[in-house]
Amino acid sequence: MVMMETHKEQSVPWKTTIITSTFLKHEASRMLTAQQHRIRASDSLEEGVFIFPLSGTAFLLVKPEDLPEPVGQSELTEKIEKFVQIHRNSFVLLHSPFNGKKELETLALIQRRFFGSNLRVLPVRNTAEMVTGMLMIAKATSRPHVDNIRERMALARAHVMEGSPVWEMLRDLL
């Protein structure tokens, strides 16, 4: 019975609502719409921001043309800093089709600058990788899915404890 429920849960496609900037005309928005996710536009978001309200995660897309020429203090780090201050569970999607010296320097700069903050950097090579990464993270951290994972972990833990010889010995002692 449990196996059937698990299989049924997995066969139901996961759909969510994503809030993006009205200025964002990116292929990722089209891919998300094609997968039947609901896209909502907001004038108050900066360009390149994707917010998943159910999971409380936000993603900032950094395209190759956004990368500063002299890697160092730039508008990009200020934009990321503002993004991190606003969103508690934040990710930077560093879109670079190849790993050149400039891309690796930018990745290292962002990681050093925001080390210890709630920012995570996710390097992506193409739009499909970016959409897959965002959806995987958003689904794993969304409220209904997290509760389901917690329930499964509690059941597994109880099952392990029931069959554990150590617990049986402790029960006998008490």
C-alpha atoms as a PDB file:
ATOM      1  CA  MET A   1       0.000   0.000   0.000  1.00  0.00           C
ATOM      2  CA  VAL A   2       2.812   2.419   0.919  1.00  0.00           C
ATOM      3  CA  MET A   3       4.685   1.526  -2.282  1.00  0.00           C
ATOM      4  CA  MET A   4       1.605   2.352  -4.378  1.00  0.00           C
ATOM      5  CA  GLU A   5       1.209   5.718  -2.655  1.00  0.00           C
ATOM      6  CA  THR A   6       4.884   6.511  -3.182  1.00  0.00           C
ATOM      7  CA  HIS A   7       4.655   5.570  -6.860  1.00  0.00           C
ATOM      8  CA  LYS A   8       1.494   7.652  -7.264  1.00  0.00           C
ATOM      9  CA  GLU A   9       3.186  10.663  -5.619  1.00  0.00           C
ATOM     10  CA  GLN A  10       6.162  10.396  -7.946  1.00  0.00           C
ATOM     11  CA  SER A  11       4.038  10.116 -11.101  1.00  0.00           C
ATOM     12  CA  VAL A  12       2.194  13.372 -10.389  1.00  0.00           C
ATOM     13  CA  PRO A  13       4.146  16.184 -12.074  1.00  0.00           C
ATOM     14  CA  TRP A  14       5.213  18.972  -9.755  1.00  0.00           C
ATOM     15  CA  LYS A  15       3.922  22.421 -10.751  1.00  0.00           C
ATOM     16  CA  THR A  16       4.630  25.692  -9.001  1.00  0.00           C
ATOM     17  CA  THR A  17       4.366  29.446  -9.368  1.00  0.00           C
ATOM     18  CA  ILE A  18       7.449  31.468 -10.218  1.00  0.00           C
ATOM     19  CA  ILE A  19       7.719  35.235  -9.954  1.00  0.00           C
ATOM     20  CA  THR A  20      10.059  36.918 -12.434  1.00  0.00           C
ATOM     21  CA  SER A  21      10.910  40.425 -13.493  1.00  0.00           C
ATOM     22  CA  THR A  22       8.670  41.933 -16.165  1.00  0.00           C
ATOM     23  CA  PHE A  23      11.869  42.863 -17.995  1.00  0.00           C
ATOM     24  CA  LEU A  24      13.116  39.279 -18.151  1.00  0.00           C
ATOM     25  CA  LYS A  25      12.641  37.915 -21.642  1.00  0.00           C
ATOM     26  CA  HIS A  26      14.776  34.842 -21.188  1.00  0.00           C
ATOM     27  CA  GLU A  27      14.533  31.362 -22.647  1.00  0.00           C
ATOM     28  CA  ALA A  28      14.237  30.005 -19.084  1.00  0.00           C
ATOM     29  CA  SER A  29      10.834  31.688 -18.708  1.00  0.00           C
ATOM     30  CA  ARG A  30       9.654  30.027 -21.916  1.00  0.00           C
ATOM     31  CA  MET A  31      10.963  26.633 -20.760  1.00  0.00           C
ATOM     32  CA  LEU A  32       9.217  26.965 -17.390  1.00  0.00           C
ATOM     33  CA  THR A  33       5.971  27.958 -19.109  1.00  0.00           C
ATOM     34  CA  ALA A  34       6.293  24.988 -21.488  1.00  0.00           C
ATOM     35  CA  GLN A  35       6.562  22.717 -18.422  1.00  0.00           C
ATOM     36  CA  GLN A  36       3.265  24.274 -17.287  1.00  0.00           C
ATOM     37  CA  HIS A  37       4.608  26.194 -14.315  1.00  0.00           C
ATOM     38  CA  ARG A  38       2.784  29.444 -13.608  1.00  0.00           C
ATOM     39  CA  ILE A  39       4.903  32.506 -14.346  1.00  0.00           C
ATOM     40  CA  ARG A  40       3.969  35.801 -12.694  1.00  0.00           C
ATOM     41  CA  ALA A  41       5.674  39.047 -13.652  1.00  0.00           C
ATOM     42  CA  SER A  42       6.585  41.761 -11.162  1.00  0.00           C
ATOM     43  CA  ASP A  43       7.750  45.309 -11.825  1.00  0.00           C
ATOM     44  CA  SER A  44       9.509  45.466  -8.460  1.00  0.00           C
ATOM     45  CA  LEU A  45      12.044  42.717  -9.201  1.00  0.00           C
ATOM     46  CA  GLU A  46      15.414  43.353 -10.757  1.00  0.00           C
ATOM     47  CA  GLU A  47      16.149  41.807 -14.115  1.00  0.00           C
ATOM     48  CA  GLY A  48      17.327  38.202 -13.899  1.00  0.00           C
ATOM     49  CA  VAL A  49      15.527  37.291 -10.662  1.00  0.00           C
ATOM     50  CA  PHE A  50      13.392  34.156 -10.280  1.00  0.00           C
ATOM     51  CA  ILE A  51      11.470  33.708  -7.008  1.00  0.00           C
ATOM     52  CA  PHE A  52       9.790  30.469  -5.949  1.00  0.00           C
ATOM     53  CA  PRO A  53       7.341  31.579  -3.204  1.00  0.00           C
ATOM     54  CA  LEU A  54       6.380  28.060  -2.037  1.00  0.00           C
ATOM     55  CA  SER A  55       9.967  27.161  -1.257  1.00  0.00           C
ATOM     56  CA  GLY A  56      11.178  30.622  -0.259  1.00  0.00           C
ATOM     57  CA  THR A  57      14.094  30.448  -2.688  1.00  0.00           C
ATOM     58  CA  ALA A  58      15.299  33.157  -5.026  1.00  0.00           C
ATOM     59  CA  PHE A  59      17.664  32.862  -7.964  1.00  0.00           C
ATOM     60  CA  LEU A  60      19.656  35.632  -9.631  1.00  0.00           C
ATOM     61  CA  LEU A  61      20.781  34.958 -13.182  1.00  0.00           C
ATOM     62  CA  VAL A  62      24.220  36.338 -14.033  1.00  0.00           C
ATOM     63  CA  LYS A  63      24.788  36.186 -17.794  1.00  0.00           C
ATOM     64  CA  PRO A  64      28.207  36.327 -19.486  1.00  0.00           C
ATOM     65  CA  GLU A  65      27.594  39.913 -20.604  1.00  0.00           C
ATOM     66  CA  ASP A  66      26.961  40.899 -16.950  1.00  0.00           C
ATOM     67  CA  LEU A  67      30.437  39.773 -15.917  1.00  0.00           C
ATOM     68  CA  PRO A  68      32.684  42.747 -15.148  1.00  0.00           C
ATOM     69  CA  GLU A  69      35.665  43.308 -17.426  1.00  0.00           C
ATOM     70  CA  PRO A  70      38.119  44.027 -14.629  1.00  0.00           C
ATOM     71  CA  VAL A  71      37.129  41.419 -12.059  1.00  0.00           C
ATOM     72  CA  GLY A  72      36.855  43.185  -8.720  1.00  0.00           C
ATOM     73  CA  GLN A  73      34.550  45.718  -7.111  1.00  0.00           C
ATOM     74  CA  SER A  74      31.731  46.275  -9.574  1.00  0.00           C
ATOM     75  CA  GLU A  75      28.029  46.812 -10.057  1.00  0.00           C
ATOM     76  CA  LEU A  76      27.646  43.032 -10.131  1.00  0.00           C
ATOM     77  CA  THR A  77      28.842  42.564  -6.534  1.00  0.00           C
ATOM     78  CA  GLU A  78      26.577  45.429  -5.424  1.00  0.00           C
ATOM     79  CA  LYS A  79      23.627  43.813  -7.208  1.00  0.00           C
ATOM     80  CA  ILE A  80      24.384  40.443  -5.578  1.00  0.00           C
ATOM     81  CA  GLU A  81      24.820  42.082  -2.166  1.00  0.00           C
ATOM     82  CA  LYS A  82      21.400  43.735  -2.439  1.00  0.00           C
ATOM     83  CA  PHE A  83      19.903  40.423  -3.613  1.00  0.00           C
ATOM     84  CA  VAL A  84      21.350  38.555  -0.603  1.00  0.00           C
ATOM     85  CA  GLN A  85      20.030  41.185   1.816  1.00  0.00           C
ATOM     86  CA  ILE A  86      16.505  40.856   0.422  1.00  0.00           C
ATOM     87  CA  HIS A  87      16.267  37.072   0.029  1.00  0.00           C
ATOM     88  CA  ARG A  88      17.211  34.760   2.898  1.00  0.00           C
ATOM     89  CA  ASN A  89      17.539  31.631   0.733  1.00  0.00           C
ATOM     90  CA  SER A  90      19.405  32.923  -2.304  1.00  0.00           C
ATOM     91  CA  PHE A  91      21.244  31.396  -5.233  1.00  0.00           C
ATOM     92  CA  VAL A  92      23.295  32.974  -8.004  1.00  0.00           C
ATOM     93  CA  LEU A  93      23.041  31.173 -11.317  1.00  0.00           C
ATOM     94  CA  LEU A  94      26.379  31.910 -12.952  1.00  0.00           C
ATOM     95  CA  HIS A  95      25.641  31.236 -16.610  1.00  0.00           C
ATOM     96  CA  SER A  96      28.830  30.544 -18.515  1.00  0.00           C
ATOM     97  CA  PRO A  97      28.821  28.302 -21.572  1.00  0.00           C
ATOM     98  CA  PHE A  98      32.492  27.503 -20.992  1.00  0.00           C
ATOM     99  CA  ASN A  99      34.934  27.792 -18.092  1.00  0.00           C
ATOM    100  CA  GLY A 100      37.373  30.417 -19.229  1.00  0.00           C
ATOM    101  CA  LYS A 101      39.751  32.368 -17.025  1.00  0.00           C
ATOM    102  CA  LYS A 102      37.290  35.259 -16.681  1.00  0.00           C
ATOM    103  CA  GLU A 103      34.422  32.988 -15.593  1.00  0.00           C
ATOM    104  CA  LEU A 104      36.569  31.164 -13.032  1.00  0.00           C
ATOM    105  CA  GLU A 105      37.875  34.472 -11.625  1.00  0.00           C
ATOM    106  CA  THR A 106      34.318  35.765 -11.306  1.00  0.00           C
ATOM    107  CA  LEU A 107      33.190  32.552  -9.599  1.00  0.00           C
ATOM    108  CA  ALA A 108      36.109  32.749  -7.148  1.00  0.00           C
ATOM    109  CA  LEU A 109      35.423  36.448  -6.490  1.00  0.00           C
ATOM    110  CA  ILE A 110      31.749  35.845  -5.725  1.00  0.00           C
ATOM    111  CA  GLN A 111      32.536  32.861  -3.492  1.00  0.00           C
ATOM    112  CA  ARG A 112      35.195  34.790  -1.536  1.00  0.00           C
ATOM    113  CA  ARG A 113      33.102  37.949  -1.262  1.00  0.00           C
ATOM    114  CA  PHE A 114      29.988  36.169   0.009  1.00  0.00           C
ATOM    115  CA  PHE A 115      31.641  33.376   2.010  1.00  0.00           C
ATOM    116  CA  GLY A 116      29.646  32.775   5.188  1.00  0.00           C
ATOM    117  CA  SER A 117      26.479  34.404   3.859  1.00  0.00           C
ATOM    118  CA  ASN A 118      23.297  32.653   2.827  1.00  0.00           C
ATOM    119  CA  LEU A 119      24.284  32.901  -0.857  1.00  0.00           C
ATOM    120  CA  ARG A 120      25.043  29.803  -2.876  1.00  0.00           C
ATOM    121  CA  VAL A 121      26.577  29.905  -6.343  1.00  0.00           C
ATOM    122  CA  LEU A 122      25.377  27.473  -8.973  1.00  0.00           C
ATOM    123  CA  PRO A 123      27.462  27.490 -12.175  1.00  0.00           C
ATOM    124  CA  VAL A 124      25.334  26.509 -15.179  1.00  0.00           C
ATOM    125  CA  ARG A 125      26.393  25.939 -18.776  1.00  0.00           C
ATOM    126  CA  ASN A 126      23.057  26.301 -20.559  1.00  0.00           C
ATOM    127  CA  THR A 127      19.424  27.206 -20.044  1.00  0.00           C
ATOM    128  CA  ALA A 128      18.239  23.609 -19.642  1.00  0.00           C
ATOM    129  CA  GLU A 129      20.779  23.045 -16.837  1.00  0.00           C
ATOM    130  CA  MET A 130      19.679  26.301 -15.217  1.00  0.00           C
ATOM    131  CA  VAL A 131      15.965  25.398 -15.278  1.00  0.00           C
ATOM    132  CA  THR A 132      16.653  21.868 -14.009  1.00  0.00           C
ATOM    133  CA  GLY A 133      18.780  23.199 -11.143  1.00  0.00           C
ATOM    134  CA  MET A 134      16.226  25.818 -10.108  1.00  0.00           C
ATOM    135  CA  LEU A 135      13.336  23.354 -10.178  1.00  0.00           C
ATOM    136  CA  MET A 136      15.265  20.674  -8.280  1.00  0.00           C
ATOM    137  CA  ILE A 137      16.241  23.094  -5.501  1.00  0.00           C
ATOM    138  CA  ALA A 138      12.796  24.702  -5.346  1.00  0.00           C
ATOM    139  CA  LYS A 139      11.027  21.346  -5.181  1.00  0.00           C
ATOM    140  CA  ALA A 140      13.343  19.974  -2.502  1.00  0.00           C
ATOM    141  CA  THR A 141      12.784  23.059  -0.343  1.00  0.00           C
ATOM    142  CA  SER A 142       9.062  23.605  -0.993  1.00  0.00           C
ATOM    143  CA  ARG A 143       6.794  23.291   2.001  1.00  0.00           C
ATOM    144  CA  PRO A 144       4.683  20.287   0.979  1.00  0.00           C
ATOM    145  CA  HIS A 145       7.701  18.344  -0.274  1.00  0.00           C
ATOM    146  CA  VAL A 146       9.825  19.090   2.816  1.00  0.00           C
ATOM    147  CA  ASP A 147       7.008  17.895   5.086  1.00  0.00           C
ATOM    148  CA  ASN A 148       6.744  14.701   3.039  1.00  0.00           C
ATOM    149  CA  ILE A 149      10.501  14.106   3.323  1.00  0.00           C
ATOM    150  CA  ARG A 150      10.359  14.676   7.101  1.00  0.00           C
ATOM    151  CA  GLU A 151       7.511  12.170   7.447  1.00  0.00           C
ATOM    152  CA  ARG A 152       9.422   9.564   5.452  1.00  0.00           C
ATOM    153  CA  MET A 153      12.559  10.143   7.522  1.00  0.00           C
ATOM    154  CA  ALA A 154      10.597   9.778  10.761  1.00  0.00           C
ATOM    155  CA  LEU A 155       9.054   6.521   9.528  1.00  0.00           C
ATOM    156  CA  ALA A 156      12.435   5.177   8.441  1.00  0.00           C
ATOM    157  CA  ARG A 157      13.966   6.164  11.761  1.00  0.00           C
ATOM    158  CA  ALA A 158      11.163   4.482  13.712  1.00  0.00           C
ATOM    159  CA  HIS A 159      11.511   1.358  11.575  1.00  0.00           C
ATOM    160  CA  VAL A 160      15.276   1.186  12.161  1.00  0.00           C
ATOM    161  CA  MET A 161      14.840   1.740  15.890  1.00  0.00           C
ATOM    162  CA  GLU A 162      12.177  -0.980  16.153  1.00  0.00           C
ATOM    163  CA  GLY A 163      14.438  -3.581  14.587  1.00  0.00           C
ATOM    164  CA  SER A 164      17.620  -2.468  16.319  1.00  0.00           C
ATOM    165  CA  PRO A 165      19.149  -5.003  18.723  1.00  0.00           C
ATOM    166  CA  VAL A 166      20.546  -2.126  20.797  1.00  0.00           C
ATOM    167  CA  TRP A 167      17.066  -0.702  21.384  1.00  0.00           C
ATOM    168  CA  GLU A 168      15.750  -4.165  22.246  1.00  0.00           C
ATOM    169  CA  MET A 169      18.518  -4.567  24.817  1.00  0.00           C
ATOM    170  CA  LEU A 170      17.781  -1.130  26.305  1.00  0.00           C
ATOM    171  CA  ARG A 171      14.064  -1.937  26.516  1.00  0.00           C
ATOM    172  CA  ASP A 172      14.900  -5.175  28.357  1.00  0.00           C
ATOM    173  CA  LEU A 173      17.070  -3.270  30.842  1.00  0.00           C
ATOM    174  CA  LEU A 174      14.302  -0.805  31.628  1.00  0.00           C
END
